[in-house]
PDB file of N, CA and C in Angstrom:
ATOM      1  N   UNK A   1       9.395 211.712 184.754  1.00  0.00           N
ATOM      2  CA  UNK A   1      10.640 210.288 185.034  1.00  0.00           C
ATOM      3  C   UNK A   1       9.983 209.238 184.669  1.00  0.00           C
ATOM      4  N   UNK A   2      11.241 208.667 184.056  1.00  0.00           N
ATOM      5  CA  UNK A   2      10.803 207.394 183.380  1.00  0.00           C
ATOM      6  C   UNK A   2      11.297 206.291 184.630  1.00  0.00           C
ATOM      7  N   UNK A   3      10.578 205.343 183.920  1.00  0.00           N
ATOM      8  CA  UNK A   3      10.352 204.227 185.234  1.00  0.00           C
ATOM      9  C   UNK A   3      12.078 203.516 185.085  1.00  0.00           C
ATOM     10  N   UNK A   4      12.311 202.635 186.610  1.00  0.00           N
ATOM     11  CA  UNK A   4      13.516 202.190 186.561  1.00  0.00           C
ATOM     12  C   UNK A   4      13.107 200.790 186.034  1.00  0.00           C
ATOM     13  N   UNK A   5      13.986 200.525 184.753  1.00  0.00           N
ATOM     14  CA  UNK A   5      14.112 199.040 183.990  1.00  0.00           C
ATOM     15  C   UNK A   5      15.261 198.110 184.733  1.00  0.00           C
ATOM     16  N   UNK A   6      14.671 197.705 186.155  1.00  0.00           N
ATOM     17  CA  UNK A   6      15.553 196.610 186.321  1.00  0.00           C
ATOM     18  C   UNK A   6      16.408 195.860 185.650  1.00  0.00           C
ATOM     19  N   UNK A   7      15.549 195.129 184.727  1.00  0.00           N
ATOM     20  CA  UNK A   7      15.736 193.784 183.781  1.00  0.00           C
ATOM     21  C   UNK A   7      16.513 194.387 182.847  1.00  0.00           C
ATOM     22  N   UNK A   8      16.934 195.387 182.187  1.00  0.00           N
ATOM     23  CA  UNK A   8      17.879 195.894 181.524  1.00  0.00           C
ATOM     24  C   UNK A   8      19.218 196.036 182.214  1.00  0.00           C
ATOM     25  N   UNK A   9      19.073 196.907 183.388  1.00  0.00           N
ATOM     26  CA  UNK A   9      20.404 197.228 184.235  1.00  0.00           C
ATOM     27  C   UNK A   9      20.738 195.937 184.478  1.00  0.00           C
ATOM     28  N   UNK A  10      19.850 194.786 184.931  1.00  0.00           N
ATOM     29  CA  UNK A  10      20.615 193.479 185.682  1.00  0.00           C
ATOM     30  C   UNK A  10      21.465 192.906 184.336  1.00  0.00           C
ATOM     31  N   UNK A  11      20.703 192.835 183.446  1.00  0.00           N
ATOM     32  CA  UNK A  11      21.109 192.119 182.132  1.00  0.00           C
ATOM     33  C   UNK A  11      22.476 192.705 181.955  1.00  0.00           C
ATOM     34  N   UNK A  12      22.868 194.240 181.890  1.00  0.00           N
ATOM     35  CA  UNK A  12      24.056 194.557 181.565  1.00  0.00           C
ATOM     36  C   UNK A  12      25.122 194.430 182.699  1.00  0.00           C
ATOM     37  N   UNK A  13      24.781 194.690 183.455  1.00  0.00           N
ATOM     38  CA  UNK A  13      25.621 194.296 184.758  1.00  0.00           C
ATOM     39  C   UNK A  13      26.250 192.896 184.884  1.00  0.00           C
ATOM     40  N   UNK A  14      25.394 191.944 184.406  1.00  0.00           N
ATOM     41  CA  UNK A  14      25.946 190.368 184.405  1.00  0.00           C
ATOM     42  C   UNK A  14      26.358 190.063 183.516  1.00  0.00           C
ATOM     43  N   UNK A  15      26.119 190.494 182.092  1.00  0.00           N
ATOM     44  CA  UNK A  15      26.951 190.470 181.159  1.00  0.00           C
ATOM     45  C   UNK A  15      28.579 191.481 181.060  1.00  0.00           C
ATOM     46  N   UNK A  16      28.798 192.298 182.053  1.00  0.00           N
ATOM     47  CA  UNK A  16      29.746 192.935 182.532  1.00  0.00           C
ATOM     48  C   UNK A  16      30.952 192.009 183.023  1.00  0.00           C
ATOM     49  N   UNK A  17      30.079 191.506 184.165  1.00  0.00           N
ATOM     50  CA  UNK A  17      30.695 190.773 185.186  1.00  0.00           C
ATOM     51  C   UNK A  17      31.447 189.537 184.628  1.00  0.00           C
ATOM     52  N   UNK A  18      30.423 188.641 183.476  1.00  0.00           N
ATOM     53  CA  UNK A  18      30.797 187.479 182.932  1.00  0.00           C
ATOM     54  C   UNK A  18      32.033 187.920 182.232  1.00  0.00           C
ATOM     55  N   UNK A  19      31.872 188.842 181.540  1.00  0.00           N
ATOM     56  CA  UNK A  19      33.436 189.191 180.451  1.00  0.00           C
ATOM     57  C   UNK A  19      34.326 189.365 181.182  1.00  0.00           C
ATOM     58  N   UNK A  20      34.105 190.059 182.296  1.00  0.00           N
ATOM     59  CA  UNK A  20      35.322 190.282 183.040  1.00  0.00           C
ATOM     60  C   UNK A  20      35.707 189.285 183.874  1.00  0.00           C
ATOM     61  N   UNK A  21      35.197 188.153 184.056  1.00  0.00           N
ATOM     62  CA  UNK A  21      35.312 186.822 185.163  1.00  0.00           C
ATOM     63  C   UNK A  21      35.536 187.188 186.317  1.00  0.00           C
ATOM     64  N   UNK A  22      34.508 187.854 186.863  1.00  0.00           N
ATOM     65  CA  UNK A  22      34.387 188.643 188.378  1.00  0.00           C
ATOM     66  C   UNK A  22      33.774 187.177 188.973  1.00  0.00           C
ATOM     67  N   UNK A  23      33.309 186.190 188.447  1.00  0.00           N
ATOM     68  CA  UNK A  23      32.957 184.984 189.683  1.00  0.00           C
ATOM     69  C   UNK A  23      34.016 183.987 189.306  1.00  0.00           C
ATOM     70  N   UNK A  24      35.375 184.074 188.965  1.00  0.00           N
ATOM     71  CA  UNK A  24      35.927 183.211 188.548  1.00  0.00           C
ATOM     72  C   UNK A  24      36.973 182.788 190.016  1.00  0.00           C
ATOM     73  N   UNK A  25      37.498 181.691 190.418  1.00  0.00           N
ATOM     74  CA  UNK A  25      38.487 181.409 191.349  1.00  0.00           C
ATOM     75  C   UNK A  25      39.086 180.779 191.044  1.00  0.00           C
ATOM     76  N   UNK A  26      40.553 180.743 191.997  1.00  0.00           N
ATOM     77  CA  UNK A  26      41.489 180.253 191.909  1.00  0.00           C
ATOM     78  C   UNK A  26      41.456 179.033 193.095  1.00  0.00           C
ATOM     79  N   UNK A  27      40.414 178.688 193.135  1.00  0.00           N
ATOM     80  CA  UNK A  27      40.375 177.715 194.503  1.00  0.00           C
ATOM     81  C   UNK A  27      40.944 176.467 194.327  1.00  0.00           C
ATOM     82  N   UNK A  28      41.495 175.682 193.087  1.00  0.00           N
ATOM     83  CA  UNK A  28      42.183 174.649 193.435  1.00  0.00           C
ATOM     84  C   UNK A  28      43.231 174.957 192.880  1.00  0.00           C
ATOM     85  N   UNK A  29      44.096 175.608 192.484  1.00  0.00           N
ATOM     86  CA  UNK A  29      45.307 175.639 192.096  1.00  0.00           C
ATOM     87  C   UNK A  29      46.325 174.861 192.964  1.00  0.00           C
ATOM     88  N   UNK A  30      46.369 174.575 193.974  1.00  0.00           N
ATOM     89  CA  UNK A  30      47.149 173.227 194.814  1.00  0.00           C
ATOM     90  C   UNK A  30      47.132 172.241 193.882  1.00  0.00           C
ATOM     91  N   UNK A  31      46.103 171.865 193.648  1.00  0.00           N
ATOM     92  CA  UNK A  31      45.560 170.490 193.485  1.00  0.00           C
ATOM     93  C   UNK A  31      45.200 169.750 194.519  1.00  0.00           C
ATOM     94  N   UNK A  32      45.092 170.440 195.567  1.00  0.00           N
ATOM     95  CA  UNK A  32      44.037 169.560 196.814  1.00  0.00           C
ATOM     96  C   UNK A  32      42.993 169.557 196.621  1.00  0.00           C
ATOM     97  N   UNK A  33      42.103 168.532 197.416  1.00  0.00           N
ATOM     98  CA  UNK A  33      41.153 168.461 197.419  1.00  0.00           C
ATOM     99  C   UNK A  33      40.427 169.766 198.337  1.00  0.00           C
ATOM    100  N   UNK A  34      39.377 169.985 197.697  1.00  0.00           N
ATOM    101  CA  UNK A  34      38.583 171.445 198.444  1.00  0.00           C
ATOM    102  C   UNK A  34      38.248 170.992 199.980  1.00  0.00           C
ATOM    103  N   UNK A  35      38.461 171.673 200.986  1.00  0.00           N
ATOM    104  CA  UNK A  35      37.968 171.147 202.193  1.00  0.00           C
ATOM    105  C   UNK A  35      37.062 172.214 202.920  1.00  0.00           C
ATOM    106  N   UNK A  36      36.237 172.536 203.539  1.00  0.00           N
ATOM    107  CA  UNK A  36      35.309 173.266 204.215  1.00  0.00           C
ATOM    108  C   UNK A  36      35.040 172.731 205.646  1.00  0.00           C
ATOM    109  N   UNK A  37      35.172 174.016 206.209  1.00  0.00           N
ATOM    110  CA  UNK A  37      35.127 173.533 207.964  1.00  0.00           C
ATOM    111  C   UNK A  37      34.220 175.139 208.572  1.00  0.00           C
ATOM    112  N   UNK A  38      33.121 174.463 208.958  1.00  0.00           N
ATOM    113  CA  UNK A  38      32.328 175.178 209.725  1.00  0.00           C
ATOM    114  C   UNK A  38      32.555 175.700 210.996  1.00  0.00           C
ATOM    115  N   UNK A  39      32.588 177.013 211.675  1.00  0.00           N
ATOM    116  CA  UNK A  39      32.718 177.094 212.885  1.00  0.00           C
ATOM    117  C   UNK A  39      31.838 177.915 213.277  1.00  0.00           C
ATOM    118  N   UNK A  40      30.983 177.718 214.385  1.00  0.00           N
ATOM    119  CA  UNK A  40      30.288 178.559 214.783  1.00  0.00           C
ATOM    120  C   UNK A  40      30.575 179.724 215.612  1.00  0.00           C
ATOM    121  N   UNK A  41      30.184 180.870 215.838  1.00  0.00           N
ATOM    122  CA  UNK A  41      30.881 182.061 216.326  1.00  0.00           C
ATOM    123  C   UNK A  41      29.738 181.996 217.875  1.00  0.00           C
ATOM    124  N   UNK A  42      30.539 182.428 218.725  1.00  0.00           N
ATOM    125  CA  UNK A  42      29.332 182.466 220.121  1.00  0.00           C
ATOM    126  C   UNK A  42      28.667 183.696 220.017  1.00  0.00           C
ATOM    127  N   UNK A  43      27.581 183.192 220.555  1.00  0.00           N
ATOM    128  CA  UNK A  43      26.283 184.067 220.726  1.00  0.00           C
ATOM    129  C   UNK A  43      26.591 185.590 221.853  1.00  0.00           C
ATOM    130  N   UNK A  44      26.609 186.786 221.289  1.00  0.00           N
ATOM    131  CA  UNK A  44      26.573 187.724 221.854  1.00  0.00           C
ATOM    132  C   UNK A  44      25.975 187.966 223.489  1.00  0.00           C
ATOM    133  N   UNK A  45      25.274 187.230 223.412  1.00  0.00           N
ATOM    134  CA  UNK A  45      24.355 187.148 224.648  1.00  0.00           C
ATOM    135  C   UNK A  45      25.120 186.879 225.889  1.00  0.00           C
ATOM    136  N   UNK A  46      26.183 186.175 226.134  1.00  0.00           N
ATOM    137  CA  UNK A  46      26.593 185.957 227.302  1.00  0.00           C
ATOM    138  C   UNK A  46      28.022 186.362 227.325  1.00  0.00           C
ATOM    139  N   UNK A  47      28.872 186.236 228.299  1.00  0.00           N
ATOM    140  CA  UNK A  47      30.211 185.978 228.571  1.00  0.00           C
ATOM    141  C   UNK A  47      31.138 184.906 227.908  1.00  0.00           C
ATOM    142  N   UNK A  48      32.543 185.289 227.448  1.00  0.00           N
ATOM    143  CA  UNK A  48      33.219 183.882 227.026  1.00  0.00           C
ATOM    144  C   UNK A  48      33.924 183.715 228.398  1.00  0.00           C
ATOM    145  N   UNK A  49      33.709 181.985 228.197  1.00  0.00           N
ATOM    146  CA  UNK A  49      34.717 181.427 229.066  1.00  0.00           C
ATOM    147  C   UNK A  49      35.527 180.346 228.464  1.00  0.00           C
ATOM    148  N   UNK A  50      36.137 179.857 229.316  1.00  0.00           N
ATOM    149  CA  UNK A  50      37.272 178.464 228.702  1.00  0.00           C
ATOM    150  C   UNK A  50      36.391 177.396 227.585  1.00  0.00           C
ATOM    151  N   UNK A  51      35.240 177.559 227.815  1.00  0.00           N
ATOM    152  CA  UNK A  51      34.550 176.338 226.941  1.00  0.00           C
ATOM    153  C   UNK A  51      34.452 176.835 225.393  1.00  0.00           C
ATOM    154  N   UNK A  52      34.490 178.139 225.261  1.00  0.00           N
ATOM    155  CA  UNK A  52      34.840 178.700 224.215  1.00  0.00           C
ATOM    156  C   UNK A  52      36.136 178.433 223.206  1.00  0.00           C
ATOM    157  N   UNK A  53      37.041 178.308 224.217  1.00  0.00           N
ATOM    158  CA  UNK A  53      38.275 178.002 223.704  1.00  0.00           C
ATOM    159  C   UNK A  53      38.470 176.432 223.238  1.00  0.00           C
ATOM    160  N   UNK A  54      37.802 175.773 223.874  1.00  0.00           N
ATOM    161  CA  UNK A  54      37.343 174.245 223.402  1.00  0.00           C
ATOM    162  C   UNK A  54      36.697 174.394 222.262  1.00  0.00           C
ATOM    163  N   UNK A  55      35.938 175.164 222.218  1.00  0.00           N
ATOM    164  CA  UNK A  55      34.988 174.966 220.651  1.00  0.00           C
ATOM    165  C   UNK A  55      35.504 175.426 219.592  1.00  0.00           C
ATOM    166  N   UNK A  56      36.280 176.384 219.584  1.00  0.00           N
ATOM    167  CA  UNK A  56      37.080 177.133 218.810  1.00  0.00           C
ATOM    168  C   UNK A  56      38.446 176.781 218.223  1.00  0.00           C
ATOM    169  N   UNK A  57      39.039 175.943 219.300  1.00  0.00           N
ATOM    170  CA  UNK A  57      40.562 175.897 219.172  1.00  0.00           C
ATOM    171  C   UNK A  57      40.605 174.820 218.327  1.00  0.00           C
ATOM    172  N   UNK A  58      40.225 173.215 218.281  1.00  0.00           N
ATOM    173  CA  UNK A  58      40.582 172.153 217.585  1.00  0.00           C
ATOM    174  C   UNK A  58      39.959 172.716 216.252  1.00  0.00           C
ATOM    175  N   UNK A  59      38.978 172.972 215.947  1.00  0.00           N
ATOM    176  CA  UNK A  59      38.574 173.239 214.013  1.00  0.00           C
ATOM    177  C   UNK A  59      39.594 174.169 213.825  1.00  0.00           C
ATOM    178  N   UNK A  60      40.312 175.372 214.447  1.00  0.00           N
ATOM    179  CA  UNK A  60      40.881 176.363 213.965  1.00  0.00           C
ATOM    180  C   UNK A  60      42.449 175.166 213.892  1.00  0.00           C
ATOM    181  N   UNK A  61      42.796 174.695 214.601  1.00  0.00           N
ATOM    182  CA  UNK A  61      44.122 173.970 214.522  1.00  0.00           C
ATOM    183  C   UNK A  61      44.148 173.103 213.059  1.00  0.00           C
ATOM    184  N   UNK A  62      42.750 172.117 213.182  1.00  0.00           N
ATOM    185  CA  UNK A  62      42.591 171.037 211.913  1.00  0.00           C
ATOM    186  C   UNK A  62      42.487 171.975 210.754  1.00  0.00           C
ATOM    187  N   UNK A  63      41.753 173.193 210.630  1.00  0.00           N
ATOM    188  CA  UNK A  63      41.543 174.150 209.293  1.00  0.00           C
ATOM    189  C   UNK A  63      43.000 174.510 208.806  1.00  0.00           C
ATOM    190  N   UNK A  64      43.536 174.695 209.884  1.00  0.00           N
ATOM    191  CA  UNK A  64      45.262 175.103 209.768  1.00  0.00           C
ATOM    192  C   UNK A  64      45.949 173.843 209.037  1.00  0.00           C
ATOM    193  N   UNK A  65      45.907 173.230 209.686  1.00  0.00           N
ATOM    194  CA  UNK A  65      46.568 172.069 209.184  1.00  0.00           C
ATOM    195  C   UNK A  65      46.271 171.567 207.788  1.00  0.00           C
ATOM    196  N   UNK A  66      45.020 171.414 207.727  1.00  0.00           N
ATOM    197  CA  UNK A  66      44.394 171.321 206.045  1.00  0.00           C
ATOM    198  C   UNK A  66      44.918 172.002 204.970  1.00  0.00           C
ATOM    199  N   UNK A  67      45.091 173.468 205.529  1.00  0.00           N
ATOM    200  CA  UNK A  67      45.616 174.554 204.751  1.00  0.00           C
ATOM    201  C   UNK A  67      46.866 173.893 203.889  1.00  0.00           C
TER     202      UNK A  67
END
């Protein structure tokens, strides 16, 4: 049995992905400045309560506004 040549396999696939444009995005088609809004999800160790709404509603509304 032959060994696994990870370098050759990795090079082969990276070349193919580059040729196909796998990593290209159309992020800025609208001409707007990119905006990133990070919202942390609640921990699963407790019950949800009204405070979670306050924590998630404002960033969600603002992100939708910026869209």
